[in-house]
Amino acid sequence: LYKELARLGRTCPTLPTELRVLNQEIIRPCLPSALILDLDSSVENVYGDQEGAAKGTNPHKPGRKSYHPLLAFEGQTR
């Protein structure tokens, strides 16, 4: 689906915006009026030489390359 949407996006440049608006119209009525967002970060170890990995603060394996993804959760349902 991702590849097909990318292909269609090249032939119809307004498609991503139109799909975003459509998704918001469909999803908005299902959401509660107030949301709680929990923001967090994590450390994911990598083994080998993956692109984007860097040495940083890694409490479990100091000096190892890792990813440091930032996460967001909806606080009521997680």
Protein backbone atom coordinates (compact mmCIF):
# COMPACT_ATOMS: atom_id res chain seq x y z
CA LEU A 1 0.00 0.00 0.00
CA TYR A 2 2.83 2.38 0.88
CA LYS A 3 4.50 1.89 -2.52
CA GLU A 4 1.21 2.34 -4.37
CA LEU A 5 0.43 5.55 -2.47
CA ALA A 6 3.91 6.87 -3.25
CA ARG A 7 3.42 6.06 -6.94
CA LEU A 8 0.01 7.74 -6.99
CA GLY A 9 1.44 10.74 -5.13
CA ARG A 10 3.90 11.32 -7.98
CA THR A 11 1.09 11.44 -10.56
CA CYS A 12 -1.32 13.39 -8.33
CA PRO A 13 0.64 15.83 -6.12
CA THR A 14 -2.44 16.83 -4.08
CA LEU A 15 -3.20 13.23 -3.04
CA PRO A 16 -1.25 13.25 0.27
CA THR A 17 -3.05 16.40 1.43
CA GLU A 18 -6.45 15.07 0.35
CA LEU A 19 -5.86 11.76 2.15
CA ARG A 20 -4.74 13.57 5.32
CA VAL A 21 -7.93 15.67 5.32
CA LEU A 22 -10.08 12.59 4.69
CA ASN A 23 -8.39 10.67 7.53
CA GLN A 24 -8.93 13.58 9.91
CA GLU A 25 -12.63 13.78 8.98
CA ILE A 26 -13.07 10.05 9.61
CA ILE A 27 -11.00 9.77 12.80
CA ARG A 28 -11.89 13.06 14.57
CA PRO A 29 -15.42 11.98 15.66
CA CYS A 30 -13.97 8.82 17.29
CA LEU A 31 -11.47 10.70 19.46
CA PRO A 32 -12.23 11.98 22.96
CA SER A 33 -12.44 15.74 23.39
CA ALA A 34 -9.25 15.83 25.51
CA LEU A 35 -6.12 13.77 24.93
CA ILE A 36 -3.20 13.09 27.21
CA LEU A 37 0.11 12.65 25.40
CA ASP A 38 2.93 10.82 27.16
CA LEU A 39 6.33 11.62 25.65
CA ASP A 40 9.28 9.35 26.31
CA SER A 41 12.56 8.18 24.83
CA SER A 42 14.28 4.84 24.67
CA VAL A 43 17.66 3.34 23.83
CA GLU A 44 17.75 0.52 21.28
CA ASN A 45 21.05 -1.36 20.91
CA VAL A 46 22.24 -2.21 17.43
CA TYR A 47 24.73 -4.84 16.39
CA GLY A 48 26.87 -4.16 13.36
CA ASP A 49 27.04 -0.90 11.42
CA GLN A 50 23.43 0.19 10.90
CA GLU A 51 22.78 3.55 9.27
CA GLY A 52 21.81 6.28 11.71
CA ALA A 53 23.18 4.53 14.80
CA ALA A 54 25.62 6.48 16.95
CA LYS A 55 27.54 6.12 20.17
CA GLY A 56 25.75 7.89 22.96
CA THR A 57 24.35 7.49 26.42
CA ASN A 58 23.63 3.79 26.66
CA PRO A 59 23.20 2.65 30.26
CA HIS A 60 23.13 -1.08 29.45
CA LYS A 61 26.07 -1.31 27.04
CA PRO A 62 28.28 1.80 27.35
CA GLY A 63 30.18 2.70 24.19
CA ARG A 64 27.92 0.64 21.90
CA LYS A 65 26.15 2.18 18.95
CA SER A 66 22.43 2.57 19.45
CA TYR A 67 19.32 4.36 18.31
CA HIS A 68 17.57 6.82 20.59
CA PRO A 69 13.94 6.91 19.36
CA LEU A 70 11.49 9.44 20.75
CA LEU A 71 8.05 7.99 21.48
CA ALA A 72 4.59 9.47 21.98
CA PHE A 73 1.67 7.56 23.49
CA GLU A 74 -1.94 8.53 23.99
CA GLY A 75 -2.11 8.39 27.78
CA GLN A 76 -5.55 6.85 28.28
CA THR A 77 -5.24 3.85 25.95
CA ARG A 78 -1.42 3.73 25.48
